[in-house]
């Protein structure tokens, strides 16, 4: 049985890359009911938050600019999943990445 996983994406002024990142996360080979994607916009002054909010299956939060650690803490505070994974807002991951990462724990 696969564990539930939250993927946190802290973002600051990532309007050029956030869409590709979120697309890769929403296309993962992992059960949708066991996956949560949270973007925490860290006070961006570009369209990062607007882009993230455009994805229905993504929880988009915002905070006053406080840095990556504060953004990660905010995202973790609302997660109720078994595991939390973090990736940068300019990362694109392989479709089977989560299954491979949780395999030792499943």
PDB file of N, CA and C in Angstrom:
ATOM      1  N   UNK A   1       0.845  -1.181   0.000  1.00  0.00           N
ATOM      2  CA  UNK A   1       0.000   0.000   0.000  1.00  0.00           C
ATOM      3  C   UNK A   1       0.892   1.246   0.000  1.00  0.00           C
ATOM      4  N   UNK A   2       0.571   2.184  -0.845  1.00  0.00           N
ATOM      5  CA  UNK A   2       1.384   3.393  -0.958  1.00  0.00           C
ATOM      6  C   UNK A   2       1.003   4.413   0.116  1.00  0.00           C
ATOM      7  N   UNK A   3       1.993   5.077   0.705  1.00  0.00           N
ATOM      8  CA  UNK A   3       1.703   6.116   1.697  1.00  0.00           C
ATOM      9  C   UNK A   3       1.245   7.406   1.005  1.00  0.00           C
ATOM     10  N   UNK A   4       0.601   8.264   1.765  1.00  0.00           N
ATOM     11  CA  UNK A   4       0.209   9.564   1.223  1.00  0.00           C
ATOM     12  C   UNK A   4       1.410  10.510   1.286  1.00  0.00           C
ATOM     13  N   UNK A   5       1.504  11.380   0.287  1.00  0.00           N
ATOM     14  CA  UNK A   5       2.670  12.259   0.157  1.00  0.00           C
ATOM     15  C   UNK A   5       2.217  13.686  -0.165  1.00  0.00           C
ATOM     16  N   UNK A   6       2.770  14.628   0.570  1.00  0.00           N
ATOM     17  CA  UNK A   6       2.620  16.044   0.242  1.00  0.00           C
ATOM     18  C   UNK A   6       3.911  16.489  -0.439  1.00  0.00           C
ATOM     19  N   UNK A   7       3.763  17.186  -1.546  1.00  0.00           N
ATOM     20  CA  UNK A   7       4.926  17.787  -2.208  1.00  0.00           C
ATOM     21  C   UNK A   7       4.814  19.290  -2.021  1.00  0.00           C
ATOM     22  N   UNK A   8       5.795  19.843  -1.348  1.00  0.00           N
ATOM     23  CA  UNK A   8       5.837  21.285  -1.104  1.00  0.00           C
ATOM     24  C   UNK A   8       6.752  21.955  -2.121  1.00  0.00           C
ATOM     25  N   UNK A   9       6.274  23.079  -2.642  1.00  0.00           N
ATOM     26  CA  UNK A   9       7.049  23.848  -3.608  1.00  0.00           C
ATOM     27  C   UNK A   9       7.138  25.288  -3.099  1.00  0.00           C
ATOM     28  N   UNK A  10       8.221  25.640  -2.400  1.00  0.00           N
ATOM     29  CA  UNK A  10       8.397  27.035  -2.014  1.00  0.00           C
ATOM     30  C   UNK A  10       8.797  27.835  -3.257  1.00  0.00           C
ATOM     31  N   UNK A  11       8.226  29.018  -3.407  1.00  0.00           N
ATOM     32  CA  UNK A  11       8.474  29.763  -4.645  1.00  0.00           C
ATOM     33  C   UNK A  11       8.606  31.257  -4.377  1.00  0.00           C
ATOM     34  N   UNK A  12       9.599  31.839  -5.000  1.00  0.00           N
ATOM     35  CA  UNK A  12       9.788  33.290  -4.947  1.00  0.00           C
ATOM     36  C   UNK A  12      10.149  33.764  -6.349  1.00  0.00           C
ATOM     37  N   UNK A  13       9.248  34.522  -6.953  1.00  0.00           N
ATOM     38  CA  UNK A  13       9.445  35.069  -8.303  1.00  0.00           C
ATOM     39  C   UNK A  13       9.819  33.978  -9.310  1.00  0.00           C
ATOM     40  N   UNK A  14       8.973  32.987  -9.420  1.00  0.00           N
ATOM     41  CA  UNK A  14       9.219  31.835 -10.299  1.00  0.00           C
ATOM     42  C   UNK A  14       8.199  31.741 -11.436  1.00  0.00           C
ATOM     43  N   UNK A  15       7.682  32.872 -11.893  1.00  0.00           N
ATOM     44  CA  UNK A  15       6.644  32.828 -12.918  1.00  0.00           C
ATOM     45  C   UNK A  15       7.098  32.138 -14.208  1.00  0.00           C
ATOM     46  N   UNK A  16       8.375  32.135 -14.491  1.00  0.00           N
ATOM     47  CA  UNK A  16       8.869  31.509 -15.727  1.00  0.00           C
ATOM     48  C   UNK A  16       8.952  29.988 -15.634  1.00  0.00           C
ATOM     49  N   UNK A  17       9.006  29.435 -14.426  1.00  0.00           N
ATOM     50  CA  UNK A  17       9.226  27.996 -14.297  1.00  0.00           C
ATOM     51  C   UNK A  17       8.130  27.237 -13.563  1.00  0.00           C
ATOM     52  N   UNK A  18       7.296  27.928 -12.802  1.00  0.00           N
ATOM     53  CA  UNK A  18       6.348  27.239 -11.926  1.00  0.00           C
ATOM     54  C   UNK A  18       5.345  26.385 -12.698  1.00  0.00           C
ATOM     55  N   UNK A  19       4.914  26.804 -13.862  1.00  0.00           N
ATOM     56  CA  UNK A  19       3.925  26.031 -14.625  1.00  0.00           C
ATOM     57  C   UNK A  19       4.485  24.670 -15.030  1.00  0.00           C
ATOM     58  N   UNK A  20       5.709  24.620 -15.514  1.00  0.00           N
ATOM     59  CA  UNK A  20       6.318  23.340 -15.906  1.00  0.00           C
ATOM     60  C   UNK A  20       6.496  22.429 -14.690  1.00  0.00           C
ATOM     61  N   UNK A  21       6.861  23.016 -13.570  1.00  0.00           N
ATOM     62  CA  UNK A  21       7.016  22.236 -12.341  1.00  0.00           C
ATOM     63  C   UNK A  21       5.687  21.624 -11.926  1.00  0.00           C
ATOM     64  N   UNK A  22       4.653  22.428 -11.887  1.00  0.00           N
ATOM     65  CA  UNK A  22       3.347  21.934 -11.460  1.00  0.00           C
ATOM     66  C   UNK A  22       2.789  20.912 -12.443  1.00  0.00           C
ATOM     67  N   UNK A  23       3.006  21.126 -13.717  1.00  0.00           N
ATOM     68  CA  UNK A  23       2.565  20.159 -14.718  1.00  0.00           C
ATOM     69  C   UNK A  23       3.225  18.802 -14.460  1.00  0.00           C
ATOM     70  N   UNK A  24       4.517  18.799 -14.180  1.00  0.00           N
ATOM     71  CA  UNK A  24       5.217  17.534 -13.926  1.00  0.00           C
ATOM     72  C   UNK A  24       4.680  16.856 -12.667  1.00  0.00           C
ATOM     73  N   UNK A  25       4.308  17.627 -11.657  1.00  0.00           N
ATOM     74  CA  UNK A  25       3.787  17.057 -10.422  1.00  0.00           C
ATOM     75  C   UNK A  25       2.387  16.483 -10.620  1.00  0.00           C
ATOM     76  N   UNK A  26       1.578  17.153 -11.411  1.00  0.00           N
ATOM     77  CA  UNK A  26       0.209  16.683 -11.630  1.00  0.00           C
ATOM     78  C   UNK A  26       0.146  15.504 -12.591  1.00  0.00           C
ATOM     79  N   UNK A  27       1.234  15.218 -13.271  1.00  0.00           N
ATOM     80  CA  UNK A  27       1.291  14.080 -14.184  1.00  0.00           C
ATOM     81  C   UNK A  27       2.042  12.891 -13.588  1.00  0.00           C
ATOM     82  N   UNK A  28       2.331  12.938 -12.298  1.00  0.00           N
ATOM     83  CA  UNK A  28       3.044  11.842 -11.643  1.00  0.00           C
ATOM     84  C   UNK A  28       2.240  10.549 -11.685  1.00  0.00           C
ATOM     85  N   UNK A  29       2.942   9.454 -11.744  1.00  0.00           N
ATOM     86  CA  UNK A  29       2.328   8.135 -11.666  1.00  0.00           C
ATOM     87  C   UNK A  29       2.176   7.782 -10.186  1.00  0.00           C
ATOM     88  N   UNK A  30       1.158   8.380  -9.581  1.00  0.00           N
ATOM     89  CA  UNK A  30       0.889   8.179  -8.166  1.00  0.00           C
ATOM     90  C   UNK A  30      -0.600   8.434  -7.954  1.00  0.00           C
ATOM     91  N   UNK A  31      -1.257   7.680  -7.091  1.00  0.00           N
ATOM     92  CA  UNK A  31      -2.701   7.873  -6.894  1.00  0.00           C
ATOM     93  C   UNK A  31      -3.022   9.300  -6.433  1.00  0.00           C
ATOM     94  N   UNK A  32      -3.900   9.956  -7.158  1.00  0.00           N
ATOM     95  CA  UNK A  32      -4.243  11.351  -6.862  1.00  0.00           C
ATOM     96  C   UNK A  32      -4.769  11.534  -5.442  1.00  0.00           C
ATOM     97  N   UNK A  33      -5.490  10.539  -4.935  1.00  0.00           N
ATOM     98  CA  UNK A  33      -6.052  10.661  -3.590  1.00  0.00           C
ATOM     99  C   UNK A  33      -4.987  10.554  -2.494  1.00  0.00           C
ATOM    100  N   UNK A  34      -3.780  10.152  -2.862  1.00  0.00           N
ATOM    101  CA  UNK A  34      -2.684  10.028  -1.894  1.00  0.00           C
ATOM    102  C   UNK A  34      -1.611  11.096  -2.104  1.00  0.00           C
ATOM    103  N   UNK A  35      -1.925  12.074  -2.962  1.00  0.00           N
ATOM    104  CA  UNK A  35      -0.930  13.092  -3.307  1.00  0.00           C
ATOM    105  C   UNK A  35      -1.510  14.483  -3.087  1.00  0.00           C
ATOM    106  N   UNK A  36      -0.739  15.325  -2.437  1.00  0.00           N
ATOM    107  CA  UNK A  36      -1.121  16.718  -2.219  1.00  0.00           C
ATOM    108  C   UNK A  36       0.032  17.590  -2.694  1.00  0.00           C
ATOM    109  N   UNK A  37      -0.281  18.600  -3.486  1.00  0.00           N
ATOM    110  CA  UNK A  37       0.734  19.546  -3.945  1.00  0.00           C
ATOM    111  C   UNK A  37       0.416  20.902  -3.327  1.00  0.00           C
ATOM    112  N   UNK A  38       1.407  21.445  -2.624  1.00  0.00           N
ATOM    113  CA  UNK A  38       1.262  22.751  -1.980  1.00  0.00           C
ATOM    114  C   UNK A  38       2.352  23.674  -2.504  1.00  0.00           C
ATOM    115  N   UNK A  39       1.934  24.802  -3.070  1.00  0.00           N
ATOM    116  CA  UNK A  39       2.876  25.856  -3.452  1.00  0.00           C
ATOM    117  C   UNK A  39       2.784  26.928  -2.387  1.00  0.00           C
ATOM    118  N   UNK A  40       3.919  27.335  -1.847  1.00  0.00           N
ATOM    119  CA  UNK A  40       3.941  28.444  -0.908  1.00  0.00           C
ATOM    120  C   UNK A  40       4.706  29.585  -1.565  1.00  0.00           C
ATOM    121  N   UNK A  41       3.940  30.591  -1.979  1.00  0.00           N
ATOM    122  CA  UNK A  41       4.540  31.779  -2.577  1.00  0.00           C
ATOM    123  C   UNK A  41       5.127  32.634  -1.455  1.00  0.00           C
ATOM    124  N   UNK A  42       6.398  32.916  -1.574  1.00  0.00           N
ATOM    125  CA  UNK A  42       7.121  33.633  -0.526  1.00  0.00           C
ATOM    126  C   UNK A  42       7.199  35.130  -0.829  1.00  0.00           C
ATOM    127  N   UNK A  43       6.027  35.736  -1.038  1.00  0.00           N
ATOM    128  CA  UNK A  43       5.985  37.181  -1.259  1.00  0.00           C
ATOM    129  C   UNK A  43       6.464  37.615  -2.631  1.00  0.00           C
ATOM    130  N   UNK A  44       6.245  36.798  -3.633  1.00  0.00           N
ATOM    131  CA  UNK A  44       6.682  37.137  -4.989  1.00  0.00           C
ATOM    132  C   UNK A  44       6.048  38.436  -5.466  1.00  0.00           C
ATOM    133  N   UNK A  45       6.780  39.142  -6.318  1.00  0.00           N
ATOM    134  CA  UNK A  45       6.254  40.374  -6.916  1.00  0.00           C
ATOM    135  C   UNK A  45       5.945  40.169  -8.398  1.00  0.00           C
ATOM    136  N   UNK A  46       5.984  38.925  -8.843  1.00  0.00           N
ATOM    137  CA  UNK A  46       5.615  38.596 -10.217  1.00  0.00           C
ATOM    138  C   UNK A  46       4.304  37.802 -10.191  1.00  0.00           C
ATOM    139  N   UNK A  47       4.039  36.993 -11.205  1.00  0.00           N
ATOM    140  CA  UNK A  47       2.777  36.272 -11.318  1.00  0.00           C
ATOM    141  C   UNK A  47       2.834  34.826 -10.796  1.00  0.00           C
ATOM    142  N   UNK A  48       3.808  34.510  -9.986  1.00  0.00           N
ATOM    143  CA  UNK A  48       3.946  33.156  -9.460  1.00  0.00           C
ATOM    144  C   UNK A  48       2.662  32.666  -8.791  1.00  0.00           C
ATOM    145  N   UNK A  49       2.113  33.441  -7.884  1.00  0.00           N
ATOM    146  CA  UNK A  49       0.918  33.035  -7.144  1.00  0.00           C
ATOM    147  C   UNK A  49      -0.280  32.887  -8.074  1.00  0.00           C
ATOM    148  N   UNK A  50      -0.451  33.794  -8.993  1.00  0.00           N
ATOM    149  CA  UNK A  50      -1.577  33.734  -9.946  1.00  0.00           C
ATOM    150  C   UNK A  50      -1.500  32.454 -10.771  1.00  0.00           C
ATOM    151  N   UNK A  51      -0.315  32.113 -11.230  1.00  0.00           N
ATOM    152  CA  UNK A  51      -0.128  30.888 -12.018  1.00  0.00           C
ATOM    153  C   UNK A  51      -0.446  29.661 -11.168  1.00  0.00           C
ATOM    154  N   UNK A  52       0.068  29.616  -9.960  1.00  0.00           N
ATOM    155  CA  UNK A  52      -0.173  28.465  -9.074  1.00  0.00           C
ATOM    156  C   UNK A  52      -1.660  28.310  -8.765  1.00  0.00           C
ATOM    157  N   UNK A  53      -2.346  29.410  -8.552  1.00  0.00           N
ATOM    158  CA  UNK A  53      -3.779  29.353  -8.255  1.00  0.00           C
ATOM    159  C   UNK A  53      -4.596  28.884  -9.450  1.00  0.00           C
ATOM    160  N   UNK A  54      -4.004  28.908 -10.624  1.00  0.00           N
ATOM    161  CA  UNK A  54      -4.691  28.449 -11.827  1.00  0.00           C
ATOM    162  C   UNK A  54      -4.811  26.937 -11.929  1.00  0.00           C
ATOM    163  N   UNK A  55      -4.188  26.211 -11.043  1.00  0.00           N
ATOM    164  CA  UNK A  55      -4.231  24.747 -11.040  1.00  0.00           C
ATOM    165  C   UNK A  55      -5.184  24.286  -9.936  1.00  0.00           C
ATOM    166  N   UNK A  56      -6.297  23.686 -10.341  1.00  0.00           N
ATOM    167  CA  UNK A  56      -7.327  23.280  -9.381  1.00  0.00           C
ATOM    168  C   UNK A  56      -6.820  22.262  -8.368  1.00  0.00           C
ATOM    169  N   UNK A  57      -5.879  21.410  -8.761  1.00  0.00           N
ATOM    170  CA  UNK A  57      -5.399  20.356  -7.870  1.00  0.00           C
ATOM    171  C   UNK A  57      -4.180  20.766  -7.046  1.00  0.00           C
ATOM    172  N   UNK A  58      -3.920  22.056  -6.996  1.00  0.00           N
ATOM    173  CA  UNK A  58      -2.779  22.578  -6.236  1.00  0.00           C
ATOM    174  C   UNK A  58      -3.296  23.521  -5.160  1.00  0.00           C
ATOM    175  N   UNK A  59      -2.821  23.333  -3.945  1.00  0.00           N
ATOM    176  CA  UNK A  59      -3.134  24.256  -2.858  1.00  0.00           C
ATOM    177  C   UNK A  59      -2.086  25.362  -2.906  1.00  0.00           C
ATOM    178  N   UNK A  60      -2.516  26.588  -3.163  1.00  0.00           N
ATOM    179  CA  UNK A  60      -1.582  27.715  -3.272  1.00  0.00           C
ATOM    180  C   UNK A  60      -1.740  28.626  -2.062  1.00  0.00           C
ATOM    181  N   UNK A  61      -0.651  28.806  -1.353  1.00  0.00           N
ATOM    182  CA  UNK A  61      -0.614  29.678  -0.180  1.00  0.00           C
ATOM    183  C   UNK A  61       0.325  30.830  -0.461  1.00  0.00           C
ATOM    184  N   UNK A  62       0.185  31.890   0.289  1.00  0.00           N
ATOM    185  CA  UNK A  62       1.127  33.000   0.160  1.00  0.00           C
ATOM    186  C   UNK A  62       1.496  33.511   1.545  1.00  0.00           C
ATOM    187  N   UNK A  63       2.651  34.098   1.616  1.00  0.00           N
ATOM    188  CA  UNK A  63       3.127  34.706   2.860  1.00  0.00           C
ATOM    189  C   UNK A  63       3.965  35.916   2.515  1.00  0.00           C
ATOM    190  N   UNK A  64       4.135  36.788   3.480  1.00  0.00           N
ATOM    191  CA  UNK A  64       5.074  37.894   3.344  1.00  0.00           C
ATOM    192  C   UNK A  64       6.460  37.287   3.199  1.00  0.00           C
ATOM    193  N   UNK A  65       7.308  37.893   2.402  1.00  0.00           N
ATOM    194  CA  UNK A  65       8.636  37.325   2.134  1.00  0.00           C
ATOM    195  C   UNK A  65       9.379  37.051   3.448  1.00  0.00           C
ATOM    196  N   UNK A  66       9.634  35.752   3.679  1.00  0.00           N
ATOM    197  CA  UNK A  66      10.313  35.352   4.909  1.00  0.00           C
ATOM    198  C   UNK A  66      11.413  34.341   4.660  1.00  0.00           C
ATOM    199  N   UNK A  67      11.528  33.892   3.402  1.00  0.00           N
ATOM    200  CA  UNK A  67      12.571  32.934   3.067  1.00  0.00           C
ATOM    201  C   UNK A  67      12.030  31.524   2.893  1.00  0.00           C
ATOM    202  N   UNK A  68      12.877  30.684   2.335  1.00  0.00           N
ATOM    203  CA  UNK A  68      12.504  29.315   1.998  1.00  0.00           C
ATOM    204  C   UNK A  68      12.082  28.501   3.214  1.00  0.00           C
ATOM    205  N   UNK A  69      12.803  28.628   4.311  1.00  0.00           N
ATOM    206  CA  UNK A  69      12.486  27.848   5.505  1.00  0.00           C
ATOM    207  C   UNK A  69      11.101  28.212   6.025  1.00  0.00           C
ATOM    208  N   UNK A  70      10.779  29.482   6.060  1.00  0.00           N
ATOM    209  CA  UNK A  70       9.452  29.906   6.524  1.00  0.00           C
ATOM    210  C   UNK A  70       8.360  29.388   5.587  1.00  0.00           C
ATOM    211  N   UNK A  71       8.632  29.411   4.287  1.00  0.00           N
ATOM    212  CA  UNK A  71       7.660  28.885   3.320  1.00  0.00           C
ATOM    213  C   UNK A  71       7.440  27.385   3.539  1.00  0.00           C
ATOM    214  N   UNK A  72       8.513  26.652   3.746  1.00  0.00           N
ATOM    215  CA  UNK A  72       8.395  25.212   3.994  1.00  0.00           C
ATOM    216  C   UNK A  72       7.642  24.932   5.289  1.00  0.00           C
ATOM    217  N   UNK A  73       7.886  25.714   6.309  1.00  0.00           N
ATOM    218  CA  UNK A  73       7.177  25.536   7.575  1.00  0.00           C
ATOM    219  C   UNK A  73       5.674  25.775   7.415  1.00  0.00           C
ATOM    220  N   UNK A  74       5.309  26.783   6.633  1.00  0.00           N
ATOM    221  CA  UNK A  74       3.893  27.067   6.402  1.00  0.00           C
ATOM    222  C   UNK A  74       3.227  25.897   5.681  1.00  0.00           C
ATOM    223  N   UNK A  75       3.854  25.405   4.644  1.00  0.00           N
ATOM    224  CA  UNK A  75       3.298  24.265   3.918  1.00  0.00           C
ATOM    225  C   UNK A  75       3.176  23.033   4.796  1.00  0.00           C
ATOM    226  N   UNK A  76       4.203  22.759   5.571  1.00  0.00           N
ATOM    227  CA  UNK A  76       4.178  21.584   6.455  1.00  0.00           C
ATOM    228  C   UNK A  76       3.075  21.693   7.500  1.00  0.00           C
ATOM    229  N   UNK A  77       2.761  22.905   7.907  1.00  0.00           N
ATOM    230  CA  UNK A  77       1.752  23.092   8.953  1.00  0.00           C
ATOM    231  C   UNK A  77       0.351  22.712   8.498  1.00  0.00           C
ATOM    232  N   UNK A  78       0.100  22.628   7.190  1.00  0.00           N
ATOM    233  CA  UNK A  78      -1.239  22.247   6.731  1.00  0.00           C
ATOM    234  C   UNK A  78      -1.273  20.837   6.137  1.00  0.00           C
ATOM    235  N   UNK A  79      -0.154  20.177   6.065  1.00  0.00           N
ATOM    236  CA  UNK A  79      -0.116  18.825   5.518  1.00  0.00           C
ATOM    237  C   UNK A  79      -0.569  17.812   6.554  1.00  0.00           C
ATOM    238  N   UNK A  80      -1.348  16.841   6.093  1.00  0.00           N
ATOM    239  CA  UNK A  80      -1.753  15.750   6.985  1.00  0.00           C
ATOM    240  C   UNK A  80      -1.354  14.401   6.387  1.00  0.00           C
ATOM    241  N   UNK A  81      -0.435  14.423   5.443  1.00  0.00           N
ATOM    242  CA  UNK A  81      -0.009  13.211   4.759  1.00  0.00           C
ATOM    243  C   UNK A  81       1.129  12.513   5.510  1.00  0.00           C
ATOM    244  N   UNK A  82       1.391  11.263   5.111  1.00  0.00           N
ATOM    245  CA  UNK A  82       2.417  10.465   5.774  1.00  0.00           C
ATOM    246  C   UNK A  82       3.819  11.035   5.587  1.00  0.00           C
ATOM    247  N   UNK A  83       4.087  11.539   4.376  1.00  0.00           N
ATOM    248  CA  UNK A  83       5.417  12.059   4.045  1.00  0.00           C
ATOM    249  C   UNK A  83       5.300  13.435   3.415  1.00  0.00           C
ATOM    250  N   UNK A  84       6.341  14.235   3.618  1.00  0.00           N
ATOM    251  CA  UNK A  84       6.450  15.539   2.970  1.00  0.00           C
ATOM    252  C   UNK A  84       7.730  15.539   2.152  1.00  0.00           C
ATOM    253  N   UNK A  85       7.583  15.894   0.895  1.00  0.00           N
ATOM    254  CA  UNK A  85       8.720  16.018  -0.021  1.00  0.00           C
ATOM    255  C   UNK A  85       8.767  17.473  -0.465  1.00  0.00           C
ATOM    256  N   UNK A  86       9.955  18.003  -0.617  1.00  0.00           N
ATOM    257  CA  UNK A  86      10.068  19.372  -1.110  1.00  0.00           C
ATOM    258  C   UNK A  86      10.868  19.378  -2.406  1.00  0.00           C
ATOM    259  N   UNK A  87      10.452  20.250  -3.316  1.00  0.00           N
ATOM    260  CA  UNK A  87      11.226  20.451  -4.541  1.00  0.00           C
ATOM    261  C   UNK A  87      11.273  21.939  -4.846  1.00  0.00           C
ATOM    262  N   UNK A  88      12.277  22.339  -5.567  1.00  0.00           N
ATOM    263  CA  UNK A  88      12.385  23.731  -5.986  1.00  0.00           C
ATOM    264  C   UNK A  88      11.362  24.033  -7.073  1.00  0.00           C
ATOM    265  N   UNK A  89      10.994  25.296  -7.199  1.00  0.00           N
ATOM    266  CA  UNK A  89       9.968  25.715  -8.140  1.00  0.00           C
ATOM    267  C   UNK A  89      10.436  25.690  -9.588  1.00  0.00           C
ATOM    268  N   UNK A  90      11.692  25.347  -9.804  1.00  0.00           N
ATOM    269  CA  UNK A  90      12.189  25.227 -11.178  1.00  0.00           C
ATOM    270  C   UNK A  90      12.582  23.786 -11.502  1.00  0.00           C
ATOM    271  N   UNK A  91      12.070  22.850 -10.711  1.00  0.00           N
ATOM    272  CA  UNK A  91      12.390  21.431 -10.911  1.00  0.00           C
ATOM    273  C   UNK A  91      11.260  20.733 -11.673  1.00  0.00           C
ATOM    274  N   UNK A  92      11.645  19.792 -12.510  1.00  0.00           N
ATOM    275  CA  UNK A  92      10.695  18.932 -13.201  1.00  0.00           C
ATOM    276  C   UNK A  92      11.109  17.507 -12.854  1.00  0.00           C
ATOM    277  N   UNK A  93      10.162  16.729 -12.323  1.00  0.00           N
ATOM    278  CA  UNK A  93      10.532  15.392 -11.873  1.00  0.00           C
ATOM    279  C   UNK A  93       9.905  14.308 -12.754  1.00  0.00           C
ATOM    280  N   UNK A  94      10.557  13.157 -12.765  1.00  0.00           N
ATOM    281  CA  UNK A  94      10.105  12.010 -13.549  1.00  0.00           C
ATOM    282  C   UNK A  94       8.789  11.469 -13.003  1.00  0.00           C
ATOM    283  N   UNK A  95       7.991  10.882 -13.879  1.00  0.00           N
ATOM    284  CA  UNK A  95       6.660  10.392 -13.510  1.00  0.00           C
ATOM    285  C   UNK A  95       6.668   9.358 -12.386  1.00  0.00           C
ATOM    286  N   UNK A  96       7.695   8.541 -12.302  1.00  0.00           N
ATOM    287  CA  UNK A  96       7.720   7.491 -11.283  1.00  0.00           C
ATOM    288  C   UNK A  96       8.538   7.876 -10.046  1.00  0.00           C
ATOM    289  N   UNK A  97       8.942   9.101  -9.938  1.00  0.00           N
ATOM    290  CA  UNK A  97       9.822   9.562  -8.857  1.00  0.00           C
ATOM    291  C   UNK A  97       9.266   9.259  -7.466  1.00  0.00           C
ATOM    292  N   UNK A  98       8.018   9.596  -7.219  1.00  0.00           N
ATOM    293  CA  UNK A  98       7.456   9.421  -5.877  1.00  0.00           C
ATOM    294  C   UNK A  98       7.371   7.939  -5.518  1.00  0.00           C
ATOM    295  N   UNK A  99       6.930   7.118  -6.460  1.00  0.00           N
ATOM    296  CA  UNK A  99       6.859   5.674  -6.176  1.00  0.00           C
ATOM    297  C   UNK A  99       8.218   5.129  -5.805  1.00  0.00           C
ATOM    298  N   UNK A 100       9.254   5.568  -6.491  1.00  0.00           N
ATOM    299  CA  UNK A 100      10.607   5.086  -6.195  1.00  0.00           C
ATOM    300  C   UNK A 100      11.084   5.598  -4.835  1.00  0.00           C
ATOM    301  N   UNK A 101      10.767   6.830  -4.514  1.00  0.00           N
ATOM    302  CA  UNK A 101      11.198   7.399  -3.233  1.00  0.00           C
ATOM    303  C   UNK A 101      10.532   6.722  -2.033  1.00  0.00           C
ATOM    304  N   UNK A 102       9.266   6.365  -2.167  1.00  0.00           N
ATOM    305  CA  UNK A 102       8.546   5.787  -1.025  1.00  0.00           C
ATOM    306  C   UNK A 102       8.638   4.262  -0.983  1.00  0.00           C
ATOM    307  N   UNK A 103       9.203   3.661  -2.018  1.00  0.00           N
ATOM    308  CA  UNK A 103       9.271   2.193  -2.086  1.00  0.00           C
ATOM    309  C   UNK A 103       9.827   1.560  -0.805  1.00  0.00           C
ATOM    310  N   UNK A 104      10.910   2.069  -0.225  1.00  0.00           N
ATOM    311  CA  UNK A 104      11.421   1.445   1.001  1.00  0.00           C
ATOM    312  C   UNK A 104      10.459   1.534   2.191  1.00  0.00           C
ATOM    313  N   UNK A 105       9.513   2.473   2.140  1.00  0.00           N
ATOM    314  CA  UNK A 105       8.584   2.676   3.251  1.00  0.00           C
ATOM    315  C   UNK A 105       7.230   2.003   3.038  1.00  0.00           C
ATOM    316  N   UNK A 106       6.952   1.607   1.789  1.00  0.00           N
ATOM    317  CA  UNK A 106       5.625   1.056   1.456  1.00  0.00           C
ATOM    318  C   UNK A 106       5.435  -0.331   2.032  1.00  0.00           C
TER     319      UNK A 106
END
